[in-house]
Amino acid sequence: MGWEKRGKNEYYYQKIREDDKVFSKYIGHNSRAYDLASAIKRKTLLKDEMDTICEFGRDLSNSISLIMKATFIAEGLFSHRGEWRRKKR
C-alpha cells in the first residue's frame, strides 16, 4: 500500500494479493485517500506497539520462570513430570 507518483500528482493505491498475483486497487488522491492512508499508518503503529508489548511480556514471563526454577533448585526441589518435589533424605 502506498502513494505512487504519476506525472505531477500522487495517488494512493492499495495492493491486493490473489493467489500468486498482486493487483493495485486505486483509492484516490483526494481527502478520502489521505484519511485512509493515515488510518492505515495508525493501525500499523499500534500493531508494532502491541508486538513490542507482547515480546516484553514473553521475556518477563521467561525471566520469572527461570528465577522460580532457580529458587526451587536452591531449596532442594526437583522437577518430575512438571511437578516440583522435595528430594528424599
N, C-alpha and C. Protein backbone atom coordinates (compact mmCIF):
# COMPACT_ATOMS: atom_id res chain seq x y z
N MET A 1 0.84 -1.17 0.00
CA MET A 1 0.00 0.00 0.00
C MET A 1 0.88 1.23 0.00
N GLY A 2 0.41 2.23 -0.68
CA GLY A 2 1.19 3.44 -0.62
C GLY A 2 0.87 4.41 -1.73
N TRP A 3 1.59 5.47 -1.66
CA TRP A 3 1.44 6.55 -2.62
C TRP A 3 2.33 6.28 -3.81
N GLU A 4 1.79 6.50 -4.99
CA GLU A 4 2.55 6.36 -6.22
C GLU A 4 2.48 7.68 -6.97
N LYS A 5 3.62 8.13 -7.42
CA LYS A 5 3.68 9.39 -8.15
C LYS A 5 3.51 9.10 -9.64
N ARG A 6 2.53 9.70 -10.23
CA ARG A 6 2.27 9.54 -11.66
C ARG A 6 2.16 10.94 -12.26
N GLY A 7 3.17 11.31 -12.99
CA GLY A 7 3.21 12.67 -13.51
C GLY A 7 3.51 13.62 -12.38
N LYS A 8 2.68 14.65 -12.22
CA LYS A 8 2.88 15.64 -11.15
C LYS A 8 2.07 15.31 -9.91
N ASN A 9 1.16 14.36 -10.01
CA ASN A 9 0.27 14.06 -8.89
C ASN A 9 0.65 12.76 -8.20
N GLU A 10 0.20 12.64 -6.94
CA GLU A 10 0.38 11.40 -6.18
C GLU A 10 -0.99 10.77 -5.99
N TYR A 11 -1.02 9.45 -6.14
CA TYR A 11 -2.26 8.71 -5.99
C TYR A 11 -2.02 7.59 -4.99
N TYR A 12 -3.07 7.27 -4.23
CA TYR A 12 -2.97 6.23 -3.22
C TYR A 12 -3.53 4.93 -3.79
N TYR A 13 -2.72 3.87 -3.74
CA TYR A 13 -3.12 2.56 -4.22
C TYR A 13 -3.02 1.56 -3.08
N GLN A 14 -3.91 0.58 -3.12
CA GLN A 14 -3.89 -0.50 -2.14
C GLN A 14 -3.52 -1.77 -2.90
N LYS A 15 -2.52 -2.49 -2.42
CA LYS A 15 -2.08 -3.72 -3.07
C LYS A 15 -2.89 -4.89 -2.53
N ILE A 16 -3.41 -5.70 -3.44
CA ILE A 16 -4.22 -6.86 -3.08
C ILE A 16 -3.60 -8.10 -3.72
N ARG A 17 -3.38 -9.13 -2.92
CA ARG A 17 -2.78 -10.37 -3.41
C ARG A 17 -3.87 -11.42 -3.56
N GLU A 18 -3.97 -11.99 -4.75
CA GLU A 18 -4.88 -13.10 -5.02
C GLU A 18 -4.06 -14.21 -5.66
N ASP A 19 -3.97 -15.32 -4.97
CA ASP A 19 -3.12 -16.44 -5.40
C ASP A 19 -1.68 -15.95 -5.55
N ASP A 20 -1.13 -16.01 -6.75
CA ASP A 20 0.25 -15.58 -6.96
C ASP A 20 0.34 -14.20 -7.58
N LYS A 21 -0.80 -13.56 -7.81
CA LYS A 21 -0.80 -12.26 -8.49
C LYS A 21 -1.08 -11.13 -7.51
N VAL A 22 -0.48 -9.99 -7.80
CA VAL A 22 -0.70 -8.79 -6.99
C VAL A 22 -1.39 -7.75 -7.86
N PHE A 23 -2.50 -7.21 -7.34
CA PHE A 23 -3.25 -6.20 -8.06
C PHE A 23 -3.18 -4.89 -7.29
N SER A 24 -3.25 -3.79 -8.02
CA SER A 24 -3.30 -2.46 -7.41
C SER A 24 -4.72 -1.93 -7.49
N LYS A 25 -5.28 -1.60 -6.33
CA LYS A 25 -6.62 -1.04 -6.29
C LYS A 25 -6.49 0.47 -6.07
N TYR A 26 -7.05 1.23 -6.98
CA TYR A 26 -6.96 2.68 -6.90
C TYR A 26 -7.87 3.18 -5.78
N ILE A 27 -7.32 3.98 -4.88
CA ILE A 27 -8.10 4.57 -3.79
C ILE A 27 -8.41 6.03 -4.11
N GLY A 28 -7.43 6.76 -4.58
CA GLY A 28 -7.68 8.15 -4.99
C GLY A 28 -6.53 9.06 -4.60
N HIS A 29 -6.79 10.34 -4.79
CA HIS A 29 -5.81 11.35 -4.39
C HIS A 29 -6.48 12.50 -3.65
N ASN A 30 -7.71 12.27 -3.23
CA ASN A 30 -8.46 13.29 -2.51
C ASN A 30 -8.33 13.10 -1.00
N SER A 31 -9.16 13.80 -0.26
CA SER A 31 -9.07 13.74 1.20
C SER A 31 -9.38 12.34 1.73
N ARG A 32 -10.25 11.59 1.05
CA ARG A 32 -10.56 10.22 1.47
C ARG A 32 -9.30 9.36 1.44
N ALA A 33 -8.49 9.54 0.42
CA ALA A 33 -7.25 8.76 0.31
C ALA A 33 -6.29 9.14 1.43
N TYR A 34 -6.18 10.42 1.75
CA TYR A 34 -5.31 10.86 2.84
C TYR A 34 -5.79 10.30 4.18
N ASP A 35 -7.11 10.33 4.39
CA ASP A 35 -7.68 9.79 5.63
C ASP A 35 -7.40 8.30 5.75
N LEU A 36 -7.61 7.57 4.66
CA LEU A 36 -7.36 6.13 4.69
C LEU A 36 -5.88 5.82 4.92
N ALA A 37 -5.02 6.57 4.28
CA ALA A 37 -3.58 6.36 4.45
C ALA A 37 -3.16 6.61 5.89
N SER A 38 -3.68 7.67 6.51
CA SER A 38 -3.31 7.95 7.90
C SER A 38 -3.91 6.91 8.85
N ALA A 39 -5.11 6.41 8.55
CA ALA A 39 -5.72 5.37 9.40
C ALA A 39 -4.90 4.08 9.32
N ILE A 40 -4.44 3.72 8.13
CA ILE A 40 -3.64 2.52 7.97
C ILE A 40 -2.30 2.68 8.68
N LYS A 41 -1.73 3.87 8.61
CA LYS A 41 -0.46 4.11 9.29
C LYS A 41 -0.62 4.00 10.81
N ARG A 42 -1.73 4.56 11.35
CA ARG A 42 -2.01 4.45 12.79
C ARG A 42 -2.17 2.99 13.19
N LYS A 43 -2.89 2.22 12.37
CA LYS A 43 -3.11 0.80 12.66
C LYS A 43 -1.78 0.05 12.68
N THR A 44 -0.91 0.36 11.74
CA THR A 44 0.40 -0.28 11.68
C THR A 44 1.23 0.07 12.91
N LEU A 45 1.20 1.33 13.32
CA LEU A 45 1.95 1.75 14.50
C LEU A 45 1.42 1.07 15.76
N LEU A 46 0.09 0.96 15.87
CA LEU A 46 -0.50 0.28 17.03
C LEU A 46 -0.11 -1.20 17.05
N LYS A 47 -0.10 -1.83 15.87
CA LYS A 47 0.31 -3.23 15.80
C LYS A 47 1.76 -3.40 16.22
N ASP A 48 2.61 -2.50 15.79
CA ASP A 48 4.03 -2.56 16.19
C ASP A 48 4.17 -2.39 17.70
N GLU A 49 3.39 -1.47 18.29
CA GLU A 49 3.45 -1.28 19.74
C GLU A 49 2.96 -2.52 20.47
N MET A 50 1.89 -3.14 19.97
CA MET A 50 1.37 -4.34 20.60
C MET A 50 2.38 -5.49 20.50
N ASP A 51 3.05 -5.60 19.36
CA ASP A 51 4.09 -6.63 19.21
C ASP A 51 5.21 -6.42 20.22
N THR A 52 5.61 -5.16 20.42
CA THR A 52 6.66 -4.84 21.38
C THR A 52 6.22 -5.20 22.80
N ILE A 53 4.97 -4.87 23.15
CA ILE A 53 4.44 -5.18 24.48
C ILE A 53 4.37 -6.68 24.69
N CYS A 54 3.91 -7.42 23.67
CA CYS A 54 3.82 -8.88 23.78
C CYS A 54 5.20 -9.50 23.94
N GLU A 55 6.17 -8.99 23.20
CA GLU A 55 7.54 -9.51 23.32
C GLU A 55 8.09 -9.25 24.72
N PHE A 56 7.81 -8.06 25.27
CA PHE A 56 8.24 -7.74 26.63
C PHE A 56 7.58 -8.70 27.63
N GLY A 57 6.30 -8.96 27.42
CA GLY A 57 5.58 -9.88 28.31
C GLY A 57 6.16 -11.29 28.27
N ARG A 58 6.49 -11.76 27.06
CA ARG A 58 7.10 -13.09 26.94
C ARG A 58 8.46 -13.14 27.64
N ASP A 59 9.26 -12.08 27.45
CA ASP A 59 10.57 -12.03 28.10
C ASP A 59 10.43 -12.00 29.62
N LEU A 60 9.48 -11.23 30.11
CA LEU A 60 9.24 -11.14 31.55
C LEU A 60 8.80 -12.49 32.11
N SER A 61 7.89 -13.15 31.40
CA SER A 61 7.42 -14.46 31.83
C SER A 61 8.56 -15.48 31.87
N ASN A 62 9.41 -15.46 30.84
CA ASN A 62 10.55 -16.39 30.82
C ASN A 62 11.52 -16.10 31.96
N SER A 63 11.74 -14.82 32.26
CA SER A 63 12.64 -14.45 33.35
C SER A 63 12.08 -14.91 34.69
N ILE A 64 10.80 -14.70 34.92
CA ILE A 64 10.17 -15.12 36.17
C ILE A 64 10.24 -16.63 36.31
N SER A 65 9.99 -17.34 35.22
CA SER A 65 10.05 -18.80 35.25
C SER A 65 11.46 -19.28 35.59
N LEU A 66 12.47 -18.65 35.01
CA LEU A 66 13.85 -19.02 35.29
C LEU A 66 14.22 -18.75 36.75
N ILE A 67 13.80 -17.60 37.29
CA ILE A 67 14.07 -17.27 38.70
C ILE A 67 13.37 -18.27 39.62
N MET A 68 12.12 -18.62 39.26
CA MET A 68 11.37 -19.58 40.07
C MET A 68 12.06 -20.94 40.09
N LYS A 69 12.49 -21.42 38.92
CA LYS A 69 13.19 -22.71 38.85
C LYS A 69 14.47 -22.68 39.66
N ALA A 70 15.24 -21.59 39.55
CA ALA A 70 16.49 -21.47 40.30
C ALA A 70 16.22 -21.49 41.81
N THR A 71 15.16 -20.82 42.23
CA THR A 71 14.80 -20.79 43.65
C THR A 71 14.42 -22.19 44.14
N PHE A 72 13.61 -22.90 43.38
CA PHE A 72 13.21 -24.25 43.77
C PHE A 72 14.41 -25.19 43.86
N ILE A 73 15.31 -25.10 42.88
CA ILE A 73 16.51 -25.94 42.89
C ILE A 73 17.38 -25.61 44.09
N ALA A 74 17.52 -24.32 44.40
CA ALA A 74 18.31 -23.90 45.56
C ALA A 74 17.70 -24.39 46.86
N GLU A 75 16.37 -24.57 46.90
CA GLU A 75 15.69 -25.07 48.09
C GLU A 75 15.69 -26.59 48.17
N GLY A 76 16.32 -27.24 47.19
CA GLY A 76 16.44 -28.69 47.25
C GLY A 76 15.30 -29.43 46.55
N LEU A 77 14.57 -28.79 45.71
CA LEU A 77 13.48 -29.44 44.99
C LEU A 77 13.94 -29.86 43.60
N PHE A 78 13.20 -30.79 42.99
CA PHE A 78 13.48 -31.17 41.61
C PHE A 78 12.16 -31.31 40.86
N SER A 79 12.25 -31.23 39.56
CA SER A 79 11.06 -31.30 38.73
C SER A 79 10.86 -32.72 38.23
N HIS A 80 9.65 -33.24 38.45
CA HIS A 80 9.31 -34.57 37.97
C HIS A 80 7.98 -34.46 37.23
N ARG A 81 8.05 -34.60 35.89
CA ARG A 81 6.86 -34.51 35.04
C ARG A 81 6.08 -33.21 35.27
N GLY A 82 6.82 -32.12 35.39
CA GLY A 82 6.20 -30.81 35.54
C GLY A 82 5.78 -30.48 36.96
N GLU A 83 6.05 -31.37 37.89
CA GLU A 83 5.67 -31.15 39.28
C GLU A 83 6.94 -31.03 40.12
N TRP A 84 6.98 -30.05 41.01
CA TRP A 84 8.16 -29.84 41.83
C TRP A 84 8.04 -30.69 43.10
N ARG A 85 9.10 -31.46 43.38
CA ARG A 85 9.11 -32.35 44.54
C ARG A 85 10.38 -32.13 45.36
N ARG A 86 10.26 -32.43 46.65
CA ARG A 86 11.41 -32.33 47.53
C ARG A 86 12.17 -33.65 47.49
N LYS A 87 13.50 -33.54 47.46
CA LYS A 87 14.33 -34.74 47.42
C LYS A 87 14.19 -35.50 48.75
N LYS A 88 14.21 -36.85 48.65
CA LYS A 88 14.16 -37.66 49.86
C LYS A 88 15.48 -37.61 50.55
N ARG A 89 15.44 -37.64 51.87
CA ARG A 89 16.69 -37.56 52.65
C ARG A 89 17.06 -38.88 53.23
